[in-house]
């Protein structure tokens, strides 16, 4: 039975992320507001640890793992932002991480992922081929897959942004 994403899960993720993820600011954009005829704000997740919102979901998933799952390590596929989030979260948890990235992934993202302590495997021309390799690694090793988006615990971590948006701009 698949786990359903709920508001209590997002609130629980927020507690897990406290002290790890930054509460990033909202920045009003006069240009985009004028273009759209609406008030437009940008959530500055580029100021987040690892440079994107992806740390939120990866950290929530990894910190939700049972001890036996942690012992098996984690694996994921990503072209960069999720890779860095998984590598960072796994390092904080003290567990092994294997990250499969496409061969053309930006060198800076590969280096950052390795810098956070993950074992990086370069495979394929794009995400689908990297993901297929990550699935084979999962089958071979028993590592837990930390999917970039198709996981309720990852989505709950990303959903913490919504709570911040509502608090920063309640109207």
C-alpha atoms as a PDB file:
ATOM      1  CA  UNK A   1       0.000   0.000   0.000  1.00  0.00           C
ATOM      2  CA  UNK A   2       1.445   3.352  -1.044  1.00  0.00           C
ATOM      3  CA  UNK A   3       1.850   6.062   1.552  1.00  0.00           C
ATOM      4  CA  UNK A   4      -0.385   9.079   0.960  1.00  0.00           C
ATOM      5  CA  UNK A   5       0.979  12.600   1.351  1.00  0.00           C
ATOM      6  CA  UNK A   6      -0.822  14.463   4.143  1.00  0.00           C
ATOM      7  CA  UNK A   7      -0.541  17.812   5.898  1.00  0.00           C
ATOM      8  CA  UNK A   8       0.561  16.101   9.144  1.00  0.00           C
ATOM      9  CA  UNK A   9       3.426  14.497   7.176  1.00  0.00           C
ATOM     10  CA  UNK A  10       4.501  17.934   5.956  1.00  0.00           C
ATOM     11  CA  UNK A  11       4.369  19.305   9.494  1.00  0.00           C
ATOM     12  CA  UNK A  12       6.424  16.347  10.739  1.00  0.00           C
ATOM     13  CA  UNK A  13       8.940  16.976   7.954  1.00  0.00           C
ATOM     14  CA  UNK A  14       9.195  20.577   9.073  1.00  0.00           C
ATOM     15  CA  UNK A  15      10.191  19.441  12.552  1.00  0.00           C
ATOM     16  CA  UNK A  16      12.794  17.077  11.110  1.00  0.00           C
ATOM     17  CA  UNK A  17      14.220  19.912   9.003  1.00  0.00           C
ATOM     18  CA  UNK A  18      14.383  22.427  11.856  1.00  0.00           C
ATOM     19  CA  UNK A  19      17.992  23.534  12.211  1.00  0.00           C
ATOM     20  CA  UNK A  20      18.949  21.911   8.905  1.00  0.00           C
ATOM     21  CA  UNK A  21      17.021  23.686   6.151  1.00  0.00           C
ATOM     22  CA  UNK A  22      17.043  27.456   6.075  1.00  0.00           C
ATOM     23  CA  UNK A  23      13.757  29.355   6.139  1.00  0.00           C
ATOM     24  CA  UNK A  24      14.429  31.207   2.921  1.00  0.00           C
ATOM     25  CA  UNK A  25      13.034  34.669   2.183  1.00  0.00           C
ATOM     26  CA  UNK A  26      10.411  35.726  -0.318  1.00  0.00           C
ATOM     27  CA  UNK A  27      11.456  38.378  -2.793  1.00  0.00           C
ATOM     28  CA  UNK A  28       8.817  40.567  -4.445  1.00  0.00           C
ATOM     29  CA  UNK A  29       9.331  40.929  -8.201  1.00  0.00           C
ATOM     30  CA  UNK A  30       8.065  44.225  -9.594  1.00  0.00           C
ATOM     31  CA  UNK A  31       8.890  43.080 -13.123  1.00  0.00           C
ATOM     32  CA  UNK A  32       6.951  39.817 -13.017  1.00  0.00           C
ATOM     33  CA  UNK A  33       4.146  41.434 -11.058  1.00  0.00           C
ATOM     34  CA  UNK A  34       3.763  44.037 -13.786  1.00  0.00           C
ATOM     35  CA  UNK A  35       3.949  41.422 -16.550  1.00  0.00           C
ATOM     36  CA  UNK A  36       1.297  39.203 -14.975  1.00  0.00           C
ATOM     37  CA  UNK A  37      -0.973  41.761 -13.369  1.00  0.00           C
ATOM     38  CA  UNK A  38      -0.549  39.921 -10.060  1.00  0.00           C
ATOM     39  CA  UNK A  39       1.738  40.232  -7.065  1.00  0.00           C
ATOM     40  CA  UNK A  40       4.579  37.796  -7.755  1.00  0.00           C
ATOM     41  CA  UNK A  41       7.112  36.666  -5.170  1.00  0.00           C
ATOM     42  CA  UNK A  42      10.068  34.333  -5.559  1.00  0.00           C
ATOM     43  CA  UNK A  43      11.039  31.920  -2.776  1.00  0.00           C
ATOM     44  CA  UNK A  44      14.816  32.178  -2.661  1.00  0.00           C
ATOM     45  CA  UNK A  45      15.616  28.487  -2.311  1.00  0.00           C
ATOM     46  CA  UNK A  46      18.882  29.146  -4.130  1.00  0.00           C
ATOM     47  CA  UNK A  47      20.049  30.365  -0.691  1.00  0.00           C
ATOM     48  CA  UNK A  48      19.304  26.919   0.767  1.00  0.00           C
ATOM     49  CA  UNK A  49      22.039  24.518   1.819  1.00  0.00           C
ATOM     50  CA  UNK A  50      23.183  22.708  -1.339  1.00  0.00           C
ATOM     51  CA  UNK A  51      21.707  25.575  -3.398  1.00  0.00           C
ATOM     52  CA  UNK A  52      18.188  24.263  -3.943  1.00  0.00           C
ATOM     53  CA  UNK A  53      14.996  23.095  -2.245  1.00  0.00           C
ATOM     54  CA  UNK A  54      15.925  19.452  -2.898  1.00  0.00           C
ATOM     55  CA  UNK A  55      17.686  19.142   0.467  1.00  0.00           C
ATOM     56  CA  UNK A  56      14.255  19.311   2.116  1.00  0.00           C
ATOM     57  CA  UNK A  57      12.871  16.133   0.585  1.00  0.00           C
ATOM     58  CA  UNK A  58      16.097  14.143   0.641  1.00  0.00           C
ATOM     59  CA  UNK A  59      16.738  14.938   4.300  1.00  0.00           C
ATOM     60  CA  UNK A  60      13.176  14.128   5.338  1.00  0.00           C
ATOM     61  CA  UNK A  61      13.264  10.761   3.556  1.00  0.00           C
ATOM     62  CA  UNK A  62      16.672   9.761   4.875  1.00  0.00           C
ATOM     63  CA  UNK A  63      15.926  10.795   8.453  1.00  0.00           C
ATOM     64  CA  UNK A  64      12.700   8.758   8.266  1.00  0.00           C
ATOM     65  CA  UNK A  65      14.563   5.520   7.574  1.00  0.00           C
ATOM     66  CA  UNK A  66      14.591   2.730  10.136  1.00  0.00           C
ATOM     67  CA  UNK A  67      17.992   1.635  11.493  1.00  0.00           C
ATOM     68  CA  UNK A  68      18.014  -1.496   9.305  1.00  0.00           C
ATOM     69  CA  UNK A  69      17.333   0.622   6.221  1.00  0.00           C
ATOM     70  CA  UNK A  70      20.075   3.092   7.153  1.00  0.00           C
ATOM     71  CA  UNK A  71      22.509   0.201   7.466  1.00  0.00           C
ATOM     72  CA  UNK A  72      21.879  -0.689   3.793  1.00  0.00           C
ATOM     73  CA  UNK A  73      22.644   2.854   2.617  1.00  0.00           C
ATOM     74  CA  UNK A  74      20.788   4.869   0.001  1.00  0.00           C
ATOM     75  CA  UNK A  75      20.893   5.231  -3.757  1.00  0.00           C
ATOM     76  CA  UNK A  76      19.394   7.812  -6.095  1.00  0.00           C
ATOM     77  CA  UNK A  77      19.532   9.143  -9.627  1.00  0.00           C
ATOM     78  CA  UNK A  78      19.855  12.842 -10.334  1.00  0.00           C
ATOM     79  CA  UNK A  79      21.446  15.333 -12.676  1.00  0.00           C
ATOM     80  CA  UNK A  80      22.483  17.500  -9.751  1.00  0.00           C
ATOM     81  CA  UNK A  81      20.246  19.170  -7.185  1.00  0.00           C
ATOM     82  CA  UNK A  82      18.666  16.027  -5.741  1.00  0.00           C
ATOM     83  CA  UNK A  83      22.097  14.372  -5.868  1.00  0.00           C
ATOM     84  CA  UNK A  84      23.552  17.044  -3.623  1.00  0.00           C
ATOM     85  CA  UNK A  85      20.577  16.884  -1.249  1.00  0.00           C
ATOM     86  CA  UNK A  86      20.873  13.108  -0.877  1.00  0.00           C
ATOM     87  CA  UNK A  87      24.645  13.271  -0.429  1.00  0.00           C
ATOM     88  CA  UNK A  88      24.357  15.993   2.221  1.00  0.00           C
ATOM     89  CA  UNK A  89      21.535  14.255   4.104  1.00  0.00           C
ATOM     90  CA  UNK A  90      23.275  10.869   4.020  1.00  0.00           C
ATOM     91  CA  UNK A  91      26.460  12.421   5.364  1.00  0.00           C
ATOM     92  CA  UNK A  92      24.498  14.032   8.219  1.00  0.00           C
ATOM     93  CA  UNK A  93      22.913  10.649   8.957  1.00  0.00           C
ATOM     94  CA  UNK A  94      26.260   8.860   8.790  1.00  0.00           C
ATOM     95  CA  UNK A  95      25.153   6.464   6.076  1.00  0.00           C
ATOM     96  CA  UNK A  96      26.527   5.473   2.689  1.00  0.00           C
ATOM     97  CA  UNK A  97      25.098   7.100  -0.426  1.00  0.00           C
ATOM     98  CA  UNK A  98      25.497   6.114  -4.054  1.00  0.00           C
ATOM     99  CA  UNK A  99      24.373   8.727  -6.540  1.00  0.00           C
ATOM    100  CA  UNK A 100      23.992   7.906 -10.223  1.00  0.00           C
ATOM    101  CA  UNK A 101      24.307  10.969 -12.439  1.00  0.00           C
ATOM    102  CA  UNK A 102      24.142  11.233 -16.230  1.00  0.00           C
ATOM    103  CA  UNK A 103      27.551  11.392 -17.896  1.00  0.00           C
ATOM    104  CA  UNK A 104      26.843  14.976 -18.980  1.00  0.00           C
ATOM    105  CA  UNK A 105      25.959  16.240 -15.485  1.00  0.00           C
ATOM    106  CA  UNK A 106      27.590  19.585 -14.700  1.00  0.00           C
ATOM    107  CA  UNK A 107      31.073  19.065 -13.287  1.00  0.00           C
ATOM    108  CA  UNK A 108      30.311  21.472 -10.450  1.00  0.00           C
ATOM    109  CA  UNK A 109      27.329  19.349  -9.348  1.00  0.00           C
ATOM    110  CA  UNK A 110      29.321  16.109  -9.598  1.00  0.00           C
ATOM    111  CA  UNK A 111      32.140  17.661  -7.543  1.00  0.00           C
ATOM    112  CA  UNK A 112      29.724  19.022  -4.933  1.00  0.00           C
ATOM    113  CA  UNK A 113      27.989  15.640  -4.621  1.00  0.00           C
ATOM    114  CA  UNK A 114      31.330  13.912  -4.117  1.00  0.00           C
ATOM    115  CA  UNK A 115      32.335  16.681  -1.725  1.00  0.00           C
ATOM    116  CA  UNK A 116      29.355  15.833   0.480  1.00  0.00           C
ATOM    117  CA  UNK A 117      30.681  12.266   0.654  1.00  0.00           C
ATOM    118  CA  UNK A 118      28.595  10.324  -1.853  1.00  0.00           C
ATOM    119  CA  UNK A 119      29.964   7.688  -4.208  1.00  0.00           C
ATOM    120  CA  UNK A 120      29.122   9.050  -7.667  1.00  0.00           C
ATOM    121  CA  UNK A 121      28.508   6.768 -10.642  1.00  0.00           C
ATOM    122  CA  UNK A 122      28.303   8.451 -14.055  1.00  0.00           C
ATOM    123  CA  UNK A 123      25.968   6.539 -16.352  1.00  0.00           C
ATOM    124  CA  UNK A 124      23.951   7.316 -19.455  1.00  0.00           C
ATOM    125  CA  UNK A 125      23.100  10.306 -21.570  1.00  0.00           C
ATOM    126  CA  UNK A 126      20.169  11.444 -19.433  1.00  0.00           C
ATOM    127  CA  UNK A 127      18.131  10.912 -16.297  1.00  0.00           C
ATOM    128  CA  UNK A 128      16.280   7.784 -17.490  1.00  0.00           C
ATOM    129  CA  UNK A 129      19.494   5.842 -18.073  1.00  0.00           C
ATOM    130  CA  UNK A 130      20.940   7.040 -14.768  1.00  0.00           C
ATOM    131  CA  UNK A 131      17.735   6.004 -12.991  1.00  0.00           C
ATOM    132  CA  UNK A 132      17.832   2.546 -14.596  1.00  0.00           C
ATOM    133  CA  UNK A 133      21.381   2.089 -13.256  1.00  0.00           C
ATOM    134  CA  UNK A 134      20.304   3.306  -9.805  1.00  0.00           C
ATOM    135  CA  UNK A 135      17.532   0.691  -9.831  1.00  0.00           C
ATOM    136  CA  UNK A 136      20.057  -2.037 -10.678  1.00  0.00           C
ATOM    137  CA  UNK A 137      22.302  -0.860  -7.840  1.00  0.00           C
ATOM    138  CA  UNK A 138      19.320  -0.951  -5.486  1.00  0.00           C
ATOM    139  CA  UNK A 139      18.542  -4.538  -6.523  1.00  0.00           C
ATOM    140  CA  UNK A 140      22.177  -5.612  -6.162  1.00  0.00           C
ATOM    141  CA  UNK A 141      22.894  -3.944  -2.821  1.00  0.00           C
ATOM    142  CA  UNK A 142      19.544  -3.590  -1.062  1.00  0.00           C
ATOM    143  CA  UNK A 143      20.131   0.160  -0.677  1.00  0.00           C
ATOM    144  CA  UNK A 144      17.043   2.298  -0.157  1.00  0.00           C
ATOM    145  CA  UNK A 145      15.988   4.300  -3.215  1.00  0.00           C
ATOM    146  CA  UNK A 146      15.559   8.002  -2.531  1.00  0.00           C
ATOM    147  CA  UNK A 147      13.498   8.950  -5.562  1.00  0.00           C
ATOM    148  CA  UNK A 148      13.749  12.573  -6.640  1.00  0.00           C
ATOM    149  CA  UNK A 149       9.984  13.152  -6.696  1.00  0.00           C
ATOM    150  CA  UNK A 150       7.922   9.959  -6.635  1.00  0.00           C
ATOM    151  CA  UNK A 151       8.011   9.408  -2.874  1.00  0.00           C
ATOM    152  CA  UNK A 152       5.570  10.845  -0.312  1.00  0.00           C
ATOM    153  CA  UNK A 153       8.332  11.445   2.250  1.00  0.00           C
ATOM    154  CA  UNK A 154      10.380  13.377  -0.303  1.00  0.00           C
ATOM    155  CA  UNK A 155       7.260  15.307  -1.302  1.00  0.00           C
ATOM    156  CA  UNK A 156       6.500  16.067   2.360  1.00  0.00           C
ATOM    157  CA  UNK A 157       9.954  17.590   2.748  1.00  0.00           C
ATOM    158  CA  UNK A 158       9.461  19.718  -0.351  1.00  0.00           C
ATOM    159  CA  UNK A 159       5.997  20.634   0.959  1.00  0.00           C
ATOM    160  CA  UNK A 160       7.539  22.474   3.893  1.00  0.00           C
ATOM    161  CA  UNK A 161       8.049  25.326   1.438  1.00  0.00           C
ATOM    162  CA  UNK A 162       4.270  25.787   1.319  1.00  0.00           C
ATOM    163  CA  UNK A 163       4.107  26.240   5.086  1.00  0.00           C
ATOM    164  CA  UNK A 164       6.792  28.941   4.852  1.00  0.00           C
ATOM    165  CA  UNK A 165       4.987  30.636   1.956  1.00  0.00           C
ATOM    166  CA  UNK A 166       1.749  30.791   3.928  1.00  0.00           C
ATOM    167  CA  UNK A 167       3.521  32.292   6.933  1.00  0.00           C
ATOM    168  CA  UNK A 168       5.533  34.834   4.939  1.00  0.00           C
ATOM    169  CA  UNK A 169       2.632  35.887   2.698  1.00  0.00           C
ATOM    170  CA  UNK A 170      -0.649  34.883   4.365  1.00  0.00           C
ATOM    171  CA  UNK A 171      -2.780  36.894   1.958  1.00  0.00           C
END
